[in-house]
Amino acid sequence: MTADPQPPSARREELLELTYRYALRHGLTGMSLRPLSEAIGSSPRVLLYLFGSKDGLVQALLARSRSEELDLLASASPTGRPVEVIGRLWDWLADPAHRDLLRLWMEGYIRSLVEPDGPWSGFAARSVEDWLDVLRTVLGPDRTAATAVLAVLRGALLDLLASGDVDRTTAAVHRQLALLSS
């Protein structure tokens, strides 16, 4: 059993942010506390004290990642035609500046499916609900329509992360959006 993590403190928040930047570059799979702590100017003992365990640190990183995802969704204001709003969401997802965040998100998403009882527990399900909530503000209350758009965006994103082909995946998303608007 691991100790309870310490309550939020300035040092904990600082190390969380540094660890998050590290995780964006290196991912979470196989993350070792010793190289991580050296890279961020801390020690494994301090990280364990502040986060309770390595799992506690991973949970904090996933929460930090989810917070950034929710900020994205909030910034894609649901004003305008649904096709335009969804197009803006895709443009943000396809922007190379967000690759590290999206790889980290995808890693957490997949790990939560493979290791449902670990620190990843529930990450994918919460992510789906977050996106459905946003898409329903754009498309209306129909969960089926929101699910169809989410499937297109997630499928294209997975393809984009694997291939790097922005032009092809963007064309595919726009083709689906054209069908939505017809």
N, C-alpha and C. Protein backbone atom coordinates (compact mmCIF):
# COMPACT_ATOMS: atom_id res chain seq x y z
N MET A 1 0.85 -1.18 0.00
CA MET A 1 0.00 0.00 0.00
C MET A 1 0.89 1.24 0.00
N THR A 2 0.51 2.23 -0.78
CA THR A 2 1.30 3.44 -0.87
C THR A 2 0.75 4.50 0.05
N ALA A 3 1.61 5.41 0.44
CA ALA A 3 1.19 6.52 1.29
C ALA A 3 0.31 7.47 0.50
N ASP A 4 -0.55 8.17 1.23
CA ASP A 4 -1.37 9.18 0.56
C ASP A 4 -0.49 10.31 0.09
N PRO A 5 -0.76 10.84 -1.10
CA PRO A 5 0.04 11.96 -1.57
C PRO A 5 -0.21 13.19 -0.70
N GLN A 6 0.76 14.06 -0.73
CA GLN A 6 0.66 15.30 0.02
C GLN A 6 -0.36 16.23 -0.63
N PRO A 7 -0.96 17.12 0.15
CA PRO A 7 -1.89 18.09 -0.44
C PRO A 7 -1.14 18.99 -1.41
N PRO A 8 -1.87 19.61 -2.33
CA PRO A 8 -1.21 20.48 -3.30
C PRO A 8 -0.33 21.53 -2.63
N SER A 9 0.82 21.71 -3.19
CA SER A 9 1.76 22.72 -2.73
C SER A 9 2.41 23.34 -3.96
N ALA A 10 3.06 24.45 -3.76
CA ALA A 10 3.74 25.11 -4.88
C ALA A 10 4.81 24.17 -5.47
N ARG A 11 5.54 23.46 -4.61
CA ARG A 11 6.59 22.56 -5.10
C ARG A 11 5.97 21.38 -5.85
N ARG A 12 4.88 20.84 -5.34
CA ARG A 12 4.21 19.73 -6.02
C ARG A 12 3.73 20.17 -7.40
N GLU A 13 3.12 21.34 -7.47
CA GLU A 13 2.63 21.84 -8.75
C GLU A 13 3.78 22.12 -9.72
N GLU A 14 4.88 22.65 -9.20
CA GLU A 14 6.06 22.91 -10.04
C GLU A 14 6.61 21.60 -10.60
N LEU A 15 6.75 20.58 -9.74
CA LEU A 15 7.28 19.30 -10.20
C LEU A 15 6.30 18.58 -11.12
N LEU A 16 5.01 18.74 -10.87
CA LEU A 16 4.01 18.16 -11.78
C LEU A 16 4.16 18.77 -13.16
N GLU A 17 4.30 20.08 -13.23
CA GLU A 17 4.43 20.74 -14.53
C GLU A 17 5.72 20.31 -15.24
N LEU A 18 6.82 20.22 -14.51
CA LEU A 18 8.09 19.77 -15.10
C LEU A 18 7.97 18.31 -15.56
N THR A 19 7.32 17.49 -14.76
CA THR A 19 7.13 16.08 -15.12
C THR A 19 6.22 15.96 -16.33
N TYR A 20 5.21 16.80 -16.39
CA TYR A 20 4.30 16.79 -17.54
C TYR A 20 5.07 17.13 -18.82
N ARG A 21 5.91 18.14 -18.78
CA ARG A 21 6.73 18.49 -19.96
C ARG A 21 7.63 17.33 -20.34
N TYR A 22 8.21 16.66 -19.35
CA TYR A 22 9.05 15.48 -19.59
C TYR A 22 8.22 14.38 -20.25
N ALA A 23 7.02 14.11 -19.70
CA ALA A 23 6.16 13.06 -20.23
C ALA A 23 5.71 13.37 -21.66
N LEU A 24 5.50 14.64 -21.97
CA LEU A 24 5.14 14.99 -23.35
C LEU A 24 6.23 14.59 -24.33
N ARG A 25 7.48 14.72 -23.92
CA ARG A 25 8.60 14.36 -24.79
C ARG A 25 8.90 12.86 -24.80
N HIS A 26 8.74 12.21 -23.63
CA HIS A 26 9.21 10.83 -23.49
C HIS A 26 8.11 9.79 -23.31
N GLY A 27 6.88 10.23 -23.08
CA GLY A 27 5.79 9.30 -22.84
C GLY A 27 5.78 8.80 -21.41
N LEU A 28 4.78 7.99 -21.11
CA LEU A 28 4.62 7.46 -19.76
C LEU A 28 5.04 6.00 -19.65
N THR A 29 4.94 5.27 -20.75
CA THR A 29 5.29 3.85 -20.72
C THR A 29 6.77 3.72 -20.41
N GLY A 30 7.06 2.94 -19.41
CA GLY A 30 8.45 2.71 -19.04
C GLY A 30 9.10 3.87 -18.31
N MET A 31 8.31 4.86 -17.91
CA MET A 31 8.88 6.01 -17.20
C MET A 31 9.50 5.52 -15.90
N SER A 32 10.73 5.86 -15.70
CA SER A 32 11.47 5.49 -14.50
C SER A 32 11.71 6.75 -13.67
N LEU A 33 11.50 6.63 -12.36
CA LEU A 33 11.61 7.80 -11.50
C LEU A 33 13.02 8.38 -11.44
N ARG A 34 14.05 7.55 -11.52
CA ARG A 34 15.41 8.06 -11.41
C ARG A 34 15.78 8.99 -12.57
N PRO A 35 15.64 8.56 -13.85
CA PRO A 35 15.95 9.48 -14.95
C PRO A 35 15.00 10.69 -14.97
N LEU A 36 13.75 10.46 -14.64
CA LEU A 36 12.80 11.56 -14.59
C LEU A 36 13.23 12.59 -13.56
N SER A 37 13.53 12.15 -12.36
CA SER A 37 13.89 13.10 -11.30
C SER A 37 15.18 13.84 -11.64
N GLU A 38 16.14 13.16 -12.27
CA GLU A 38 17.37 13.85 -12.70
C GLU A 38 17.04 14.93 -13.73
N ALA A 39 16.15 14.62 -14.65
CA ALA A 39 15.81 15.56 -15.72
C ALA A 39 15.07 16.79 -15.20
N ILE A 40 14.32 16.62 -14.11
CA ILE A 40 13.53 17.75 -13.61
C ILE A 40 14.14 18.40 -12.37
N GLY A 41 15.32 17.92 -11.96
CA GLY A 41 16.01 18.54 -10.82
C GLY A 41 15.39 18.18 -9.48
N SER A 42 15.01 16.92 -9.32
CA SER A 42 14.41 16.48 -8.07
C SER A 42 15.02 15.14 -7.70
N SER A 43 14.33 14.38 -6.88
CA SER A 43 14.78 13.04 -6.53
C SER A 43 13.57 12.12 -6.50
N PRO A 44 13.80 10.81 -6.69
CA PRO A 44 12.68 9.87 -6.61
C PRO A 44 11.96 9.96 -5.26
N ARG A 45 12.72 10.15 -4.20
CA ARG A 45 12.13 10.22 -2.86
C ARG A 45 11.15 11.40 -2.75
N VAL A 46 11.53 12.55 -3.29
CA VAL A 46 10.65 13.72 -3.24
C VAL A 46 9.38 13.46 -4.06
N LEU A 47 9.53 12.88 -5.25
CA LEU A 47 8.36 12.58 -6.08
C LEU A 47 7.41 11.61 -5.36
N LEU A 48 7.98 10.59 -4.73
CA LEU A 48 7.14 9.64 -4.00
C LEU A 48 6.46 10.30 -2.81
N TYR A 49 7.16 11.19 -2.15
CA TYR A 49 6.56 11.92 -1.03
C TYR A 49 5.40 12.79 -1.49
N LEU A 50 5.60 13.51 -2.59
CA LEU A 50 4.58 14.45 -3.06
C LEU A 50 3.40 13.77 -3.75
N PHE A 51 3.64 12.63 -4.41
CA PHE A 51 2.58 11.99 -5.19
C PHE A 51 2.13 10.65 -4.61
N GLY A 52 2.77 10.20 -3.54
CA GLY A 52 2.35 8.98 -2.86
C GLY A 52 2.92 7.71 -3.45
N SER A 53 3.08 7.65 -4.75
CA SER A 53 3.59 6.48 -5.45
C SER A 53 3.81 6.86 -6.91
N LYS A 54 4.44 5.96 -7.64
CA LYS A 54 4.58 6.20 -9.07
C LYS A 54 3.20 6.21 -9.74
N ASP A 55 2.31 5.32 -9.30
CA ASP A 55 0.94 5.34 -9.83
C ASP A 55 0.25 6.67 -9.54
N GLY A 56 0.48 7.22 -8.35
CA GLY A 56 -0.09 8.52 -8.01
C GLY A 56 0.42 9.61 -8.92
N LEU A 57 1.70 9.52 -9.27
CA LEU A 57 2.29 10.48 -10.21
C LEU A 57 1.66 10.33 -11.59
N VAL A 58 1.50 9.10 -12.05
CA VAL A 58 0.88 8.85 -13.36
C VAL A 58 -0.56 9.39 -13.36
N GLN A 59 -1.30 9.15 -12.28
CA GLN A 59 -2.66 9.67 -12.20
C GLN A 59 -2.67 11.19 -12.26
N ALA A 60 -1.73 11.83 -11.58
CA ALA A 60 -1.65 13.30 -11.62
C ALA A 60 -1.31 13.78 -13.03
N LEU A 61 -0.44 13.05 -13.73
CA LEU A 61 -0.08 13.43 -15.10
C LEU A 61 -1.27 13.26 -16.04
N LEU A 62 -2.03 12.18 -15.87
CA LEU A 62 -3.22 11.98 -16.70
C LEU A 62 -4.26 13.05 -16.42
N ALA A 63 -4.40 13.44 -15.16
CA ALA A 63 -5.33 14.52 -14.83
C ALA A 63 -4.86 15.83 -15.45
N ARG A 64 -3.57 16.06 -15.45
CA ARG A 64 -3.01 17.28 -16.07
C ARG A 64 -3.26 17.27 -17.57
N SER A 65 -3.07 16.11 -18.20
CA SER A 65 -3.32 15.96 -19.64
C SER A 65 -4.79 16.19 -19.94
N ARG A 66 -5.66 15.61 -19.12
CA ARG A 66 -7.10 15.77 -19.33
C ARG A 66 -7.50 17.22 -19.16
N SER A 67 -6.88 17.91 -18.23
CA SER A 67 -7.16 19.33 -18.02
C SER A 67 -6.83 20.13 -19.28
N GLU A 68 -5.70 19.81 -19.91
CA GLU A 68 -5.33 20.50 -21.15
C GLU A 68 -6.32 20.17 -22.27
N GLU A 69 -6.75 18.91 -22.32
CA GLU A 69 -7.74 18.50 -23.33
C GLU A 69 -9.05 19.27 -23.11
N LEU A 70 -9.49 19.38 -21.86
CA LEU A 70 -10.73 20.09 -21.56
C LEU A 70 -10.61 21.58 -21.90
N ASP A 71 -9.42 22.16 -21.67
CA ASP A 71 -9.20 23.55 -22.06
C ASP A 71 -9.35 23.70 -23.57
N LEU A 72 -8.82 22.74 -24.32
CA LEU A 72 -8.97 22.75 -25.78
C LEU A 72 -10.44 22.73 -26.15
N LEU A 73 -11.16 21.82 -25.56
CA LEU A 73 -12.56 21.69 -25.91
C LEU A 73 -13.34 22.95 -25.55
N ALA A 74 -13.00 23.57 -24.44
CA ALA A 74 -13.68 24.81 -24.04
C ALA A 74 -13.33 25.96 -24.98
N SER A 75 -12.11 25.94 -25.51
CA SER A 75 -11.69 27.04 -26.40
C SER A 75 -12.32 26.92 -27.79
N ALA A 76 -12.76 25.72 -28.15
CA ALA A 76 -13.43 25.53 -29.44
C ALA A 76 -14.89 25.89 -29.24
N SER A 77 -15.12 27.16 -29.10
CA SER A 77 -16.46 27.67 -28.79
C SER A 77 -17.50 27.08 -29.72
N PRO A 78 -18.61 26.63 -29.15
CA PRO A 78 -19.65 26.02 -29.99
C PRO A 78 -20.50 27.04 -30.74
N THR A 79 -19.90 28.17 -31.10
CA THR A 79 -20.64 29.13 -31.90
C THR A 79 -20.31 28.92 -33.36
N GLY A 80 -21.28 29.12 -34.19
CA GLY A 80 -21.11 28.89 -35.62
C GLY A 80 -21.80 27.61 -36.04
N ARG A 81 -21.72 27.33 -37.30
CA ARG A 81 -22.32 26.11 -37.83
C ARG A 81 -21.55 24.90 -37.29
N PRO A 82 -22.25 23.81 -37.02
CA PRO A 82 -21.58 22.62 -36.48
C PRO A 82 -20.36 22.19 -37.30
N VAL A 83 -20.49 22.23 -38.61
CA VAL A 83 -19.38 21.81 -39.46
C VAL A 83 -18.16 22.70 -39.24
N GLU A 84 -18.38 23.99 -39.07
CA GLU A 84 -17.26 24.92 -38.82
C GLU A 84 -16.60 24.64 -37.48
N VAL A 85 -17.41 24.41 -36.45
CA VAL A 85 -16.87 24.15 -35.11
C VAL A 85 -16.06 22.85 -35.12
N ILE A 86 -16.62 21.81 -35.71
CA ILE A 86 -15.90 20.53 -35.79
C ILE A 86 -14.65 20.67 -36.64
N GLY A 87 -14.72 21.46 -37.69
CA GLY A 87 -13.53 21.74 -38.51
C GLY A 87 -12.44 22.42 -37.69
N ARG A 88 -12.84 23.36 -36.82
CA ARG A 88 -11.85 24.02 -35.95
C ARG A 88 -11.24 23.04 -34.97
N LEU A 89 -12.06 22.13 -34.45
CA LEU A 89 -11.52 21.09 -33.56
C LEU A 89 -10.49 20.24 -34.30
N TRP A 90 -10.84 19.85 -35.53
CA TRP A 90 -9.88 19.03 -36.29
C TRP A 90 -8.61 19.82 -36.58
N ASP A 91 -8.74 21.07 -36.95
CA ASP A 91 -7.55 21.88 -37.22
C ASP A 91 -6.62 21.91 -36.01
N TRP A 92 -7.21 22.03 -34.82
CA TRP A 92 -6.40 22.01 -33.60
C TRP A 92 -5.73 20.65 -33.43
N LEU A 93 -6.50 19.57 -33.63
CA LEU A 93 -5.94 18.23 -33.49
C LEU A 93 -4.83 17.96 -34.50
N ALA A 94 -4.98 18.49 -35.71
CA ALA A 94 -4.01 18.22 -36.78
C ALA A 94 -2.78 19.11 -36.70
N ASP A 95 -2.81 20.13 -35.88
CA ASP A 95 -1.69 21.06 -35.76
C ASP A 95 -0.47 20.33 -35.19
N PRO A 96 0.67 20.35 -35.90
CA PRO A 96 1.86 19.66 -35.41
C PRO A 96 2.32 20.12 -34.02
N ALA A 97 1.97 21.30 -33.62
CA ALA A 97 2.36 21.80 -32.30
C ALA A 97 1.72 20.99 -31.17
N HIS A 98 0.68 20.21 -31.47
CA HIS A 98 -0.03 19.46 -30.43
C HIS A 98 0.27 17.97 -30.45
N ARG A 99 1.23 17.54 -31.27
CA ARG A 99 1.52 16.11 -31.41
C ARG A 99 1.89 15.45 -30.10
N ASP A 100 2.77 16.09 -29.31
CA ASP A 100 3.21 15.48 -28.06
C ASP A 100 2.04 15.28 -27.11
N LEU A 101 1.19 16.29 -26.97
CA LEU A 101 0.02 16.17 -26.11
C LEU A 101 -0.89 15.04 -26.59
N LEU A 102 -1.11 14.96 -27.89
CA LEU A 102 -2.02 13.95 -28.43
C LEU A 102 -1.44 12.55 -28.33
N ARG A 103 -0.13 12.42 -28.46
CA ARG A 103 0.50 11.11 -28.24
C ARG A 103 0.35 10.69 -26.79
N LEU A 104 0.55 11.63 -25.87
CA LEU A 104 0.40 11.34 -24.45
C LEU A 104 -1.05 10.96 -24.14
N TRP A 105 -1.99 11.71 -24.70
CA TRP A 105 -3.40 11.40 -24.52
C TRP A 105 -3.70 9.99 -25.04
N MET A 106 -3.22 9.67 -26.25
CA MET A 106 -3.48 8.37 -26.85
C MET A 106 -2.85 7.26 -26.01
N GLU A 107 -1.67 7.51 -25.48
CA GLU A 107 -1.03 6.52 -24.62
C GLU A 107 -1.90 6.24 -23.39
N GLY A 108 -2.38 7.29 -22.75
CA GLY A 108 -3.25 7.11 -21.59
C GLY A 108 -4.55 6.42 -21.95
N TYR A 109 -5.10 6.77 -23.10
CA TYR A 109 -6.35 6.19 -23.57
C TYR A 109 -6.20 4.69 -23.77
N ILE A 110 -5.16 4.30 -24.50
CA ILE A 110 -4.94 2.88 -24.79
C ILE A 110 -4.58 2.11 -23.53
N ARG A 111 -3.70 2.68 -22.71
CA ARG A 111 -3.32 1.99 -21.48
C ARG A 111 -4.53 1.78 -20.57
N SER A 112 -5.47 2.72 -20.56
CA SER A 112 -6.65 2.53 -19.70
C SER A 112 -7.52 1.38 -20.20
N LEU A 113 -7.42 1.06 -21.47
CA LEU A 113 -8.16 -0.09 -22.01
C LEU A 113 -7.45 -1.40 -21.70
N VAL A 114 -6.12 -1.37 -21.72
CA VAL A 114 -5.32 -2.57 -21.51
C VAL A 114 -5.13 -2.86 -20.01
N GLU A 115 -5.00 -1.81 -19.22
CA GLU A 115 -4.77 -1.94 -17.78
C GLU A 115 -5.87 -1.21 -17.02
N PRO A 116 -7.10 -1.72 -17.07
CA PRO A 116 -8.22 -0.98 -16.50
C PRO A 116 -8.18 -0.79 -14.98
N ASP A 117 -7.35 -1.55 -14.29
CA ASP A 117 -7.29 -1.42 -12.84
C ASP A 117 -6.09 -0.63 -12.35
N GLY A 118 -5.26 -0.16 -13.26
CA GLY A 118 -4.07 0.58 -12.87
C GLY A 118 -4.35 2.07 -12.74
N PRO A 119 -3.30 2.85 -12.76
CA PRO A 119 -3.46 4.30 -12.62
C PRO A 119 -4.21 4.92 -13.79
N TRP A 120 -4.35 4.16 -14.86
CA TRP A 120 -5.01 4.64 -16.06
C TRP A 120 -6.53 4.47 -15.98
N SER A 121 -6.99 3.81 -14.95
CA SER A 121 -8.38 3.41 -14.79
C SER A 121 -9.36 4.54 -15.12
N GLY A 122 -10.24 4.26 -16.07
CA GLY A 122 -11.31 5.19 -16.42
C GLY A 122 -10.91 6.34 -17.33
N PHE A 123 -9.64 6.47 -17.67
CA PHE A 123 -9.20 7.61 -18.48
C PHE A 123 -9.90 7.64 -19.83
N ALA A 124 -9.97 6.50 -20.52
CA ALA A 124 -10.61 6.46 -21.84
C ALA A 124 -12.09 6.78 -21.74
N ALA A 125 -12.77 6.19 -20.78
CA ALA A 125 -14.22 6.42 -20.65
C ALA A 125 -14.51 7.89 -20.34
N ARG A 126 -13.71 8.51 -19.47
CA ARG A 126 -13.91 9.94 -19.17
C ARG A 126 -13.65 10.79 -20.39
N SER A 127 -12.64 10.41 -21.16
CA SER A 127 -12.32 11.16 -22.38
C SER A 127 -13.47 11.09 -23.38
N VAL A 128 -14.04 9.92 -23.55
CA VAL A 128 -15.18 9.77 -24.47
C VAL A 128 -16.32 10.68 -24.01
N GLU A 129 -16.65 10.64 -22.74
CA GLU A 129 -17.75 11.47 -22.23
C GLU A 129 -17.46 12.96 -22.39
N ASP A 130 -16.20 13.37 -22.15
CA ASP A 130 -15.82 14.78 -22.35
C ASP A 130 -16.11 15.21 -23.77
N TRP A 131 -15.65 14.41 -24.73
CA TRP A 131 -15.83 14.75 -26.13
C TRP A 131 -17.29 14.70 -26.54
N LEU A 132 -18.03 13.71 -26.07
CA LEU A 132 -19.45 13.63 -26.40
C LEU A 132 -20.20 14.84 -25.87
N ASP A 133 -19.86 15.27 -24.66
CA ASP A 133 -20.51 16.46 -24.09
C ASP A 133 -20.29 17.68 -24.97
N VAL A 134 -19.06 17.87 -25.41
CA VAL A 134 -18.76 19.03 -26.27
C VAL A 134 -19.46 18.90 -27.61
N LEU A 135 -19.37 17.74 -28.22
CA LEU A 135 -19.99 17.56 -29.53
C LEU A 135 -21.50 17.69 -29.46
N ARG A 136 -22.10 17.31 -28.36
CA ARG A 136 -23.56 17.48 -28.23
C ARG A 136 -23.93 18.95 -28.07
N THR A 137 -23.04 19.78 -27.53
CA THR A 137 -23.36 21.22 -27.49
C THR A 137 -23.33 21.81 -28.89
N VAL A 138 -22.57 21.18 -29.77
CA VAL A 138 -22.47 21.64 -31.15
C VAL A 138 -23.57 21.04 -32.02
N LEU A 139 -23.82 19.74 -31.84
CA LEU A 139 -24.72 19.00 -32.74
C LEU A 139 -26.14 18.84 -32.19
N GLY A 140 -26.34 19.13 -30.93
CA GLY A 140 -27.63 18.88 -30.30
C GLY A 140 -27.54 17.63 -29.44
N PRO A 141 -28.63 17.26 -28.82
CA PRO A 141 -28.60 16.20 -27.80
C PRO A 141 -28.43 14.78 -28.33
N ASP A 142 -28.43 14.58 -29.61
CA ASP A 142 -28.36 13.24 -30.18
C ASP A 142 -26.98 12.62 -29.94
N ARG A 143 -26.90 11.65 -29.02
CA ARG A 143 -25.62 10.98 -28.71
C ARG A 143 -25.10 10.19 -29.90
N THR A 144 -26.01 9.69 -30.74
CA THR A 144 -25.58 8.91 -31.89
C THR A 144 -24.83 9.79 -32.88
N ALA A 145 -25.35 10.98 -33.16
CA ALA A 145 -24.66 11.90 -34.07
C ALA A 145 -23.31 12.31 -33.49
N ALA A 146 -23.28 12.61 -32.20
CA ALA A 146 -22.01 12.99 -31.55
C ALA A 146 -21.02 11.83 -31.60
N THR A 147 -21.52 10.61 -31.39
CA THR A 147 -20.66 9.43 -31.43
C THR A 147 -20.08 9.23 -32.83
N ALA A 148 -20.89 9.44 -33.86
CA ALA A 148 -20.41 9.29 -35.24
C ALA A 148 -19.30 10.29 -35.54
N VAL A 149 -19.49 11.55 -35.13
CA VAL A 149 -18.45 12.56 -35.36
C VAL A 149 -17.21 12.24 -34.55
N LEU A 150 -17.40 11.81 -33.30
CA LEU A 150 -16.25 11.45 -32.47
C LEU A 150 -15.47 10.30 -33.11
N ALA A 151 -16.18 9.32 -33.66
CA ALA A 151 -15.51 8.19 -34.32
C ALA A 151 -14.66 8.68 -35.50
N VAL A 152 -15.18 9.61 -36.26
CA VAL A 152 -14.42 10.16 -37.40
C VAL A 152 -13.17 10.88 -36.89
N LEU A 153 -13.35 11.76 -35.90
CA LEU A 153 -12.21 12.53 -35.37
C LEU A 153 -11.16 11.61 -34.75
N ARG A 154 -11.60 10.67 -33.93
CA ARG A 154 -10.64 9.77 -33.26
C ARG A 154 -9.93 8.88 -34.28
N GLY A 155 -10.69 8.36 -35.25
CA GLY A 155 -10.07 7.51 -36.27
C GLY A 155 -9.05 8.28 -37.08
N ALA A 156 -9.41 9.48 -37.49
CA ALA A 156 -8.47 10.31 -38.26
C ALA A 156 -7.26 10.69 -37.41
N LEU A 157 -7.50 10.97 -36.14
CA LEU A 157 -6.38 11.33 -35.26
C LEU A 157 -5.43 10.16 -35.08
N LEU A 158 -5.97 8.98 -34.87
CA LEU A 158 -5.12 7.80 -34.73
C LEU A 158 -4.30 7.58 -35.99
N ASP A 159 -4.92 7.72 -37.14
CA ASP A 159 -4.23 7.60 -38.42
C ASP A 159 -3.16 8.68 -38.56
N LEU A 160 -3.50 9.91 -38.21
CA LEU A 160 -2.55 11.02 -38.30
C LEU A 160 -1.34 10.78 -37.41
N LEU A 161 -1.57 10.33 -36.18
CA LEU A 161 -0.45 10.08 -35.28
C LEU A 161 0.44 8.95 -35.79
N ALA A 162 -0.16 7.97 -36.45
CA ALA A 162 0.63 6.85 -36.99
C ALA A 162 1.37 7.22 -38.26
N SER A 163 0.73 8.01 -39.12
CA SER A 163 1.30 8.25 -40.44
C SER A 163 1.93 9.63 -40.61
N GLY A 164 1.44 10.60 -39.84
CA GLY A 164 1.90 11.98 -40.03
C GLY A 164 1.31 12.65 -41.26
N ASP A 165 0.39 12.00 -41.93
CA ASP A 165 -0.17 12.52 -43.18
C ASP A 165 -1.34 13.47 -42.90
N VAL A 166 -1.02 14.74 -42.68
CA VAL A 166 -2.02 15.75 -42.36
C VAL A 166 -2.97 15.97 -43.54
N ASP A 167 -2.44 16.03 -44.75
CA ASP A 167 -3.29 16.32 -45.92
C ASP A 167 -4.36 15.26 -46.13
N ARG A 168 -3.96 14.00 -46.09
CA ARG A 168 -4.91 12.91 -46.34
C ARG A 168 -5.95 12.83 -45.23
N THR A 169 -5.51 12.90 -43.97
CA THR A 169 -6.47 12.78 -42.87
C THR A 169 -7.39 13.99 -42.81
N THR A 170 -6.87 15.17 -43.11
CA THR A 170 -7.72 16.36 -43.13
C THR A 170 -8.75 16.26 -44.25
N ALA A 171 -8.34 15.78 -45.41
CA ALA A 171 -9.29 15.60 -46.52
C ALA A 171 -10.39 14.61 -46.12
N ALA A 172 -10.01 13.55 -45.42
CA ALA A 172 -11.01 12.57 -45.00
C ALA A 172 -11.99 13.18 -44.00
N VAL A 173 -11.49 13.95 -43.05
CA VAL A 173 -12.38 14.60 -42.08
C VAL A 173 -13.31 15.57 -42.79
N HIS A 174 -12.77 16.36 -43.70
CA HIS A 174 -13.61 17.32 -44.42
C HIS A 174 -14.66 16.61 -45.28
N ARG A 175 -14.31 15.47 -45.83
CA ARG A 175 -15.29 14.70 -46.61
C ARG A 175 -16.45 14.28 -45.70
N GLN A 176 -16.12 13.79 -44.52
CA GLN A 176 -17.17 13.39 -43.58
C GLN A 176 -17.99 14.59 -43.09
N LEU A 177 -17.32 15.73 -42.89
CA LEU A 177 -18.04 16.93 -42.47
C LEU A 177 -18.98 17.41 -43.56
N ALA A 178 -18.58 17.26 -44.82
CA ALA A 178 -19.46 17.64 -45.93
C ALA A 178 -20.72 16.77 -45.93
N LEU A 179 -20.57 15.50 -45.63
CA LEU A 179 -21.74 14.63 -45.53
C LEU A 179 -22.64 15.04 -44.36
N LEU A 180 -22.03 15.49 -43.29
CA LEU A 180 -22.80 15.95 -42.13
C LEU A 180 -23.63 17.16 -42.47
N SER A 181 -23.06 18.07 -43.27
CA SER A 181 -23.76 19.31 -43.56
C SER A 181 -24.78 19.16 -44.70
N SER A 182 -24.79 18.02 -45.38
CA SER A 182 -25.74 17.85 -46.48
C SER A 182 -27.07 17.31 -46.02
